[in-house]
């Protein structure tokens, strides 16, 4: 359990001046290594089947046009390395939900923190109806989408938090992108809007052989994935705003493909011709299920009692899953941010 709580420190608040901008490759590598341990520590949803026993639910990629048409897949990836599997017991048993309130079969967990701050929450689920490529592009587009919307706190938000402005962007070749956003959220009633300054780090190369399962012929490969790490950051260009309460949230989120049909993998070294031959002819890798995992906690500030925040977190996280899927399903093709 000590390794898990040490890894969680890589999500903790920091000052922008303490970000090693002259040594970002190592900083991002360390961040992603800790994040891989974190996401691998979350237990899979119960009652699943090994992926090699499963077939796609749909016959056409991106068949779901609404969240209600999404299918909660029974496919499960192979477990990570034993050291990471052992950490799954730290999360205990899943939080119970009424089945009608959990149509996507999300497994939700809660774990006490060791730093006297709020508890950590995690969720993990597997989805069919949106292919990996569309799922990834939707996640890449979530903050840019809200930046295009003018309005008050939370305007244009997909999952409740909207980007108001981007303060930093640094591309780290071969590793990922580090950005800093000022984001906001509105709440019902007389509750003051919140804003957050978040360091937003994304990568498509954040996983290593520690998460790797085997495919046919025992070939190991790292599945396609997209990871988002969010850390609270104090930035000199983002003082507290009148009319807002400054909060913090920490999270790591990842989607990864479960290869019922092998897409071109990011092998530990490189893909060979025999690897490409393993793909079944005529079967689209965009039919593969997508596993979605998140670990998070937040402090909305303003003196809200911690027990109230934690009591509402599971339902909020469950609602965010449906909100995002509803939004992502609406698009025939979500444009890549670099194409805009």
Protein backbone atom coordinates (compact mmCIF):
# COMPACT_ATOMS: atom_id res chain seq x y z
CA UNK A 1 0.00 0.00 0.00
CA UNK A 2 2.96 2.30 0.61
CA UNK A 3 3.82 2.29 -3.10
CA UNK A 4 0.27 3.33 -3.94
CA UNK A 5 0.27 6.32 -1.60
CA UNK A 6 3.73 7.35 -2.77
CA UNK A 7 2.47 7.31 -6.37
CA UNK A 8 -0.52 9.46 -5.37
CA UNK A 9 1.92 12.21 -4.40
CA UNK A 10 2.52 12.74 -8.14
CA UNK A 11 -1.00 14.19 -8.31
CA UNK A 12 -0.50 16.63 -5.42
CA UNK A 13 -0.49 20.45 -5.72
CA UNK A 14 2.65 22.31 -6.72
CA UNK A 15 3.78 25.78 -7.77
CA UNK A 16 4.53 26.49 -11.42
CA UNK A 17 8.00 27.70 -10.41
CA UNK A 18 8.69 24.19 -9.06
CA UNK A 19 7.89 22.51 -12.37
CA UNK A 20 11.27 21.50 -13.88
CA UNK A 21 10.71 23.06 -17.30
CA UNK A 22 14.38 22.42 -18.16
CA UNK A 23 14.02 18.71 -17.40
CA UNK A 24 10.51 17.93 -18.58
CA UNK A 25 11.28 14.54 -20.20
CA UNK A 26 12.28 13.05 -16.84
CA UNK A 27 9.43 14.84 -15.05
CA UNK A 28 6.85 13.46 -17.46
CA UNK A 29 8.40 9.99 -17.39
CA UNK A 30 8.23 9.90 -13.59
CA UNK A 31 4.66 11.22 -13.68
CA UNK A 32 3.55 8.55 -16.13
CA UNK A 33 5.31 5.75 -14.24
CA UNK A 34 3.45 6.71 -11.06
CA UNK A 35 0.20 7.09 -12.99
CA UNK A 36 0.56 3.64 -14.53
CA UNK A 37 0.85 2.12 -11.07
CA UNK A 38 -2.23 4.06 -9.97
CA UNK A 39 -4.51 3.00 -12.81
CA UNK A 40 -3.29 -0.60 -12.58
CA UNK A 41 -4.21 -0.59 -8.88
CA UNK A 42 -7.93 -0.13 -9.61
CA UNK A 43 -9.77 -3.49 -9.61
CA UNK A 44 -11.64 -4.43 -12.78
CA UNK A 45 -15.44 -4.51 -12.76
CA UNK A 46 -16.73 -7.83 -11.40
CA UNK A 47 -18.33 -10.59 -13.47
CA UNK A 48 -16.19 -10.12 -16.56
CA UNK A 49 -14.74 -12.55 -19.07
CA UNK A 50 -11.16 -12.84 -20.39
CA UNK A 51 -10.95 -10.84 -23.60
CA UNK A 52 -9.90 -13.88 -25.64
CA UNK A 53 -13.29 -15.48 -24.85
CA UNK A 54 -15.25 -12.44 -26.06
CA UNK A 55 -16.60 -11.21 -29.37
CA UNK A 56 -17.60 -7.66 -30.31
CA UNK A 57 -21.13 -6.64 -29.41
CA UNK A 58 -21.49 -4.52 -32.53
CA UNK A 59 -20.74 -5.35 -36.16
CA UNK A 60 -20.04 -1.73 -37.19
CA UNK A 61 -17.60 0.68 -35.52
CA UNK A 62 -19.01 3.67 -33.63
CA UNK A 63 -22.50 2.24 -33.82
CA UNK A 64 -23.82 4.02 -30.73
CA UNK A 65 -25.45 7.38 -31.44
CA UNK A 66 -26.57 7.92 -27.83
CA UNK A 67 -25.24 6.86 -24.45
CA UNK A 68 -28.22 4.54 -24.08
CA UNK A 69 -27.00 2.61 -27.11
CA UNK A 70 -23.56 2.03 -25.56
CA UNK A 71 -22.89 -1.53 -24.43
CA UNK A 72 -21.29 -2.37 -21.08
CA UNK A 73 -18.73 -4.92 -22.22
CA UNK A 74 -17.88 -8.07 -20.27
CA UNK A 75 -14.41 -8.19 -21.86
CA UNK A 76 -11.53 -7.85 -19.42
CA UNK A 77 -7.88 -7.29 -20.20
CA UNK A 78 -5.20 -9.50 -18.74
CA UNK A 79 -3.99 -8.36 -15.31
CA UNK A 80 -0.86 -6.23 -14.93
CA UNK A 81 2.27 -7.38 -13.14
CA UNK A 82 1.78 -9.11 -9.78
CA UNK A 83 3.02 -6.12 -7.77
CA UNK A 84 0.27 -3.96 -9.24
CA UNK A 85 -2.40 -6.64 -8.89
CA UNK A 86 -1.56 -6.86 -5.17
CA UNK A 87 -2.42 -3.16 -4.81
CA UNK A 88 -6.00 -3.76 -5.97
CA UNK A 89 -6.94 -4.99 -2.50
CA UNK A 90 -6.29 -1.47 -1.17
CA UNK A 91 -9.54 -0.30 -2.79
CA UNK A 92 -11.76 -2.83 -1.04
CA UNK A 93 -15.17 -3.77 -2.40
CA UNK A 94 -17.07 -1.74 -5.00
CA UNK A 95 -19.53 0.90 -3.82
CA UNK A 96 -23.09 -0.37 -4.25
CA UNK A 97 -25.44 1.38 -6.67
CA UNK A 98 -28.98 0.71 -7.74
CA UNK A 99 -28.58 -1.06 -11.12
CA UNK A 100 -30.85 1.49 -12.82
CA UNK A 101 -28.42 4.21 -11.72
CA UNK A 102 -25.45 2.33 -13.18
CA UNK A 103 -26.38 1.42 -16.76
CA UNK A 104 -22.73 1.35 -17.86
CA UNK A 105 -21.72 -1.16 -15.15
CA UNK A 106 -19.12 1.15 -13.62
CA UNK A 107 -17.16 -0.28 -10.69
CA UNK A 108 -16.61 2.50 -8.12
CA UNK A 109 -14.24 2.42 -5.16
CA UNK A 110 -13.23 4.59 -2.19
CA UNK A 111 -9.93 4.61 -0.30
CA UNK A 112 -8.87 6.67 2.71
CA UNK A 113 -5.92 9.00 2.21
CA UNK A 114 -2.81 9.06 4.36
CA UNK A 115 -2.15 12.78 4.10
CA UNK A 116 -5.11 14.06 6.16
CA UNK A 117 -6.84 15.30 3.05
CA UNK A 118 -9.94 13.87 1.43
CA UNK A 119 -10.50 10.26 0.45
CA UNK A 120 -9.62 8.99 -3.01
CA UNK A 121 -12.26 7.64 -5.38
CA UNK A 122 -11.73 5.39 -8.39
CA UNK A 123 -13.89 4.01 -11.14
CA UNK A 124 -13.32 1.48 -13.90
CA UNK A 125 -15.61 0.36 -16.73
CA UNK A 126 -15.49 -1.17 -20.20
CA UNK A 127 -17.50 0.21 -23.12
CA UNK A 128 -18.48 -0.77 -26.66
CA UNK A 129 -20.22 1.48 -29.14
CA UNK A 130 -17.46 4.07 -29.56
CA UNK A 131 -14.14 2.91 -30.98
CA UNK A 132 -10.85 3.78 -29.32
CA UNK A 133 -9.92 6.43 -31.90
CA UNK A 134 -13.20 8.32 -31.50
CA UNK A 135 -13.09 7.97 -27.72
CA UNK A 136 -9.56 9.39 -27.64
CA UNK A 137 -10.36 12.30 -29.91
CA UNK A 138 -13.39 13.18 -27.80
CA UNK A 139 -11.22 13.29 -24.69
CA UNK A 140 -8.63 15.42 -26.49
CA UNK A 141 -11.35 17.82 -27.55
CA UNK A 142 -13.15 18.24 -24.22
CA UNK A 143 -11.34 21.35 -22.96
CA UNK A 144 -10.83 22.96 -26.42
CA UNK A 145 -14.59 22.55 -26.94
CA UNK A 146 -15.41 24.57 -23.84
CA UNK A 147 -12.80 27.23 -24.68
CA UNK A 148 -14.89 28.09 -27.75
CA UNK A 149 -17.98 28.79 -25.61
CA UNK A 150 -18.44 32.24 -24.08
CA UNK A 151 -20.33 32.62 -20.84
CA UNK A 152 -20.09 32.35 -17.09
CA UNK A 153 -18.61 29.68 -14.86
CA UNK A 154 -18.75 26.22 -16.41
CA UNK A 155 -19.98 27.46 -19.79
CA UNK A 156 -19.51 24.76 -22.41
CA UNK A 157 -18.59 22.08 -19.88
CA UNK A 158 -19.02 18.46 -20.94
CA UNK A 159 -18.59 16.93 -17.49
CA UNK A 160 -19.20 19.95 -15.28
CA UNK A 161 -15.76 21.58 -15.54
CA UNK A 162 -15.07 23.99 -18.41
CA UNK A 163 -11.79 25.47 -19.58
CA UNK A 164 -11.84 29.28 -19.41
CA UNK A 165 -8.32 29.91 -20.71
CA UNK A 166 -5.06 28.12 -21.38
CA UNK A 167 -2.01 29.52 -19.62
CA UNK A 168 0.74 27.19 -20.85
CA UNK A 169 1.40 24.58 -23.50
CA UNK A 170 4.66 22.66 -23.87
CA UNK A 171 5.07 19.73 -26.26
CA UNK A 172 7.61 17.18 -25.05
CA UNK A 173 8.69 15.18 -28.09
CA UNK A 174 8.01 11.47 -27.84
CA UNK A 175 6.32 11.74 -24.44
CA UNK A 176 3.31 14.02 -24.35
CA UNK A 177 1.95 17.51 -23.82
CA UNK A 178 1.96 19.64 -20.67
CA UNK A 179 -0.66 22.39 -20.45
CA UNK A 180 -1.97 24.65 -17.71
CA UNK A 181 -5.66 25.60 -17.77
CA UNK A 182 -7.84 27.85 -15.70
CA UNK A 183 -11.12 25.97 -15.44
CA UNK A 184 -14.41 26.64 -13.69
CA UNK A 185 -17.58 24.97 -12.52
CA UNK A 186 -21.02 26.29 -11.62
CA UNK A 187 -23.21 24.85 -8.88
CA UNK A 188 -26.96 25.09 -8.29
CA UNK A 189 -28.55 27.47 -5.83
CA UNK A 190 -26.60 30.02 -3.84
CA UNK A 191 -23.28 28.13 -4.01
CA UNK A 192 -20.45 30.34 -5.32
CA UNK A 193 -18.84 29.16 -8.59
CA UNK A 194 -15.48 27.44 -8.29
CA UNK A 195 -12.37 27.82 -10.35
CA UNK A 196 -9.29 25.63 -10.51
CA UNK A 197 -5.80 25.99 -11.96
CA UNK A 198 -4.78 22.60 -13.30
CA UNK A 199 -1.62 21.25 -14.88
CA UNK A 200 -3.00 18.98 -17.57
CA UNK A 201 -0.54 16.36 -18.87
CA UNK A 202 -1.53 14.01 -21.69
CA UNK A 203 0.21 11.11 -23.41
CA UNK A 204 -0.35 8.19 -25.74
CA UNK A 205 2.90 6.51 -24.66
CA UNK A 206 2.52 6.46 -20.89
CA UNK A 207 2.18 2.72 -20.33
CA UNK A 208 5.01 0.20 -20.12
CA UNK A 209 5.38 -3.57 -20.05
CA UNK A 210 4.03 -3.50 -16.48
CA UNK A 211 0.49 -3.31 -17.86
CA UNK A 212 1.06 -5.72 -20.73
CA UNK A 213 -1.07 -8.74 -21.39
CA UNK A 214 -0.51 -11.46 -23.97
CA UNK A 215 -2.27 -11.96 -27.26
CA UNK A 216 -2.35 -14.91 -29.59
CA UNK A 217 0.96 -16.77 -29.77
CA UNK A 218 1.87 -15.20 -26.44
CA UNK A 219 2.99 -11.98 -28.11
CA UNK A 220 3.13 -9.13 -25.63
CA UNK A 221 2.09 -5.67 -26.69
CA UNK A 222 1.10 -2.38 -25.10
CA UNK A 223 -2.48 -1.51 -26.05
CA UNK A 224 -3.44 1.80 -27.57
CA UNK A 225 -4.15 4.21 -24.75
CA UNK A 226 -4.61 7.86 -23.84
CA UNK A 227 -3.76 9.14 -20.36
CA UNK A 228 -4.61 12.44 -18.66
CA UNK A 229 -2.92 13.54 -15.43
CA UNK A 230 -4.36 16.59 -13.66
CA UNK A 231 -2.45 18.31 -10.84
CA UNK A 232 -3.39 21.52 -9.03
CA UNK A 233 -0.83 24.21 -9.75
CA UNK A 234 -0.33 27.72 -8.44
CA UNK A 235 0.44 29.92 -11.44
CA UNK A 236 1.63 33.54 -11.32
CA UNK A 237 -0.72 34.53 -14.15
CA UNK A 238 -3.81 33.15 -12.42
CA UNK A 239 -4.56 34.98 -9.16
CA UNK A 240 -7.85 34.32 -7.42
CA UNK A 241 -10.80 35.84 -9.27
CA UNK A 242 -13.58 37.93 -7.73
CA UNK A 243 -16.83 35.98 -7.62
CA UNK A 244 -15.11 32.58 -7.53
CA UNK A 245 -13.83 30.29 -4.80
CA UNK A 246 -10.51 28.63 -5.67
CA UNK A 247 -10.61 24.84 -5.37
CA UNK A 248 -8.31 21.96 -6.25
CA UNK A 249 -8.72 18.58 -7.85
CA UNK A 250 -6.26 15.79 -8.49
CA UNK A 251 -6.83 13.00 -10.98
CA UNK A 252 -5.42 10.48 -13.39
CA UNK A 253 -7.61 9.13 -16.15
CA UNK A 254 -6.90 6.62 -18.89
CA UNK A 255 -8.67 4.90 -21.73
CA UNK A 256 -7.09 1.78 -23.20
CA UNK A 257 -8.11 -0.64 -25.87
CA UNK A 258 -8.96 -4.25 -25.06
CA UNK A 259 -7.72 -5.99 -28.21
CA UNK A 260 -10.39 -8.45 -29.31
CA UNK A 261 -8.94 -7.58 -32.72
CA UNK A 262 -5.36 -6.47 -32.64
CA UNK A 263 -4.77 -2.95 -33.86
CA UNK A 264 -1.23 -2.05 -34.78
CA UNK A 265 0.30 -2.31 -31.31
CA UNK A 266 3.00 -0.21 -29.78
CA UNK A 267 5.28 -3.18 -29.15
CA UNK A 268 8.01 -3.05 -26.57
CA UNK A 269 10.43 -2.69 -29.48
CA UNK A 270 8.60 -2.53 -32.79
CA UNK A 271 5.83 -4.30 -34.69
CA UNK A 272 6.95 -7.00 -37.10
CA UNK A 273 5.26 -8.30 -40.20
CA UNK A 274 4.14 -11.38 -38.26
CA UNK A 275 2.47 -9.11 -35.70
CA UNK A 276 0.49 -7.43 -38.43
CA UNK A 277 -0.49 -10.83 -39.78
CA UNK A 278 -2.11 -11.64 -36.42
CA UNK A 279 -4.94 -9.21 -37.14
CA UNK A 280 -7.99 -11.06 -38.39
CA UNK A 281 -8.82 -10.09 -41.98
CA UNK A 282 -11.87 -7.89 -42.38
CA UNK A 283 -12.21 -7.13 -38.65
CA UNK A 284 -11.96 -3.50 -37.63
CA UNK A 285 -9.94 -2.73 -34.47
CA UNK A 286 -12.41 0.09 -33.77
CA UNK A 287 -14.81 -2.66 -32.66
CA UNK A 288 -12.55 -3.38 -29.69
CA UNK A 289 -13.93 -2.50 -26.25
CA UNK A 290 -12.46 0.54 -24.50
CA UNK A 291 -11.59 0.36 -20.81
CA UNK A 292 -11.97 3.63 -18.91
CA UNK A 293 -10.31 4.15 -15.52
CA UNK A 294 -10.12 7.21 -13.29
CA UNK A 295 -8.75 8.06 -9.83
CA UNK A 296 -9.60 11.43 -8.32
CA UNK A 297 -10.30 13.58 -5.30
CA UNK A 298 -11.22 17.23 -4.96
CA UNK A 299 -11.44 20.07 -2.50
CA UNK A 300 -13.93 22.68 -3.70
CA UNK A 301 -12.74 25.18 -1.09
CA UNK A 302 -15.00 27.64 0.65
CA UNK A 303 -15.20 25.65 3.86
CA UNK A 304 -17.56 22.95 2.56
CA UNK A 305 -17.50 20.03 5.01
CA UNK A 306 -15.42 17.17 3.71
CA UNK A 307 -18.11 14.60 4.49
CA UNK A 308 -20.56 16.43 2.22
CA UNK A 309 -18.04 16.50 -0.63
CA UNK A 310 -17.24 12.81 -0.26
CA UNK A 311 -20.89 11.82 0.09
CA UNK A 312 -21.70 13.37 -3.27
CA UNK A 313 -18.59 12.23 -5.15
CA UNK A 314 -19.69 8.72 -6.27
CA UNK A 315 -22.95 9.94 -7.82
CA UNK A 316 -21.13 12.85 -9.47
CA UNK A 317 -18.51 10.52 -10.97
CA UNK A 318 -21.22 8.17 -12.19
CA UNK A 319 -23.08 11.06 -13.78
CA UNK A 320 -19.91 12.26 -15.50
CA UNK A 321 -19.57 8.92 -17.30
CA UNK A 322 -23.00 9.28 -18.86
CA UNK A 323 -22.49 12.98 -19.65
CA UNK A 324 -19.28 12.30 -21.52
CA UNK A 325 -20.67 9.33 -23.45
CA UNK A 326 -23.75 11.34 -24.46
CA UNK A 327 -21.51 14.12 -25.76
CA UNK A 328 -19.05 11.83 -27.53
CA UNK A 329 -21.76 9.81 -29.24
CA UNK A 330 -23.20 12.91 -30.93
CA UNK A 331 -20.22 13.33 -33.20
CA UNK A 332 -19.75 11.47 -36.44
CA UNK A 333 -16.12 12.59 -36.36
CA UNK A 334 -14.55 14.54 -33.53
CA UNK A 335 -11.81 16.77 -34.98
CA UNK A 336 -8.32 16.38 -33.59
CA UNK A 337 -7.18 19.56 -31.77
CA UNK A 338 -4.13 19.83 -34.06
CA UNK A 339 -6.41 19.93 -37.09
CA UNK A 340 -8.29 23.05 -35.98
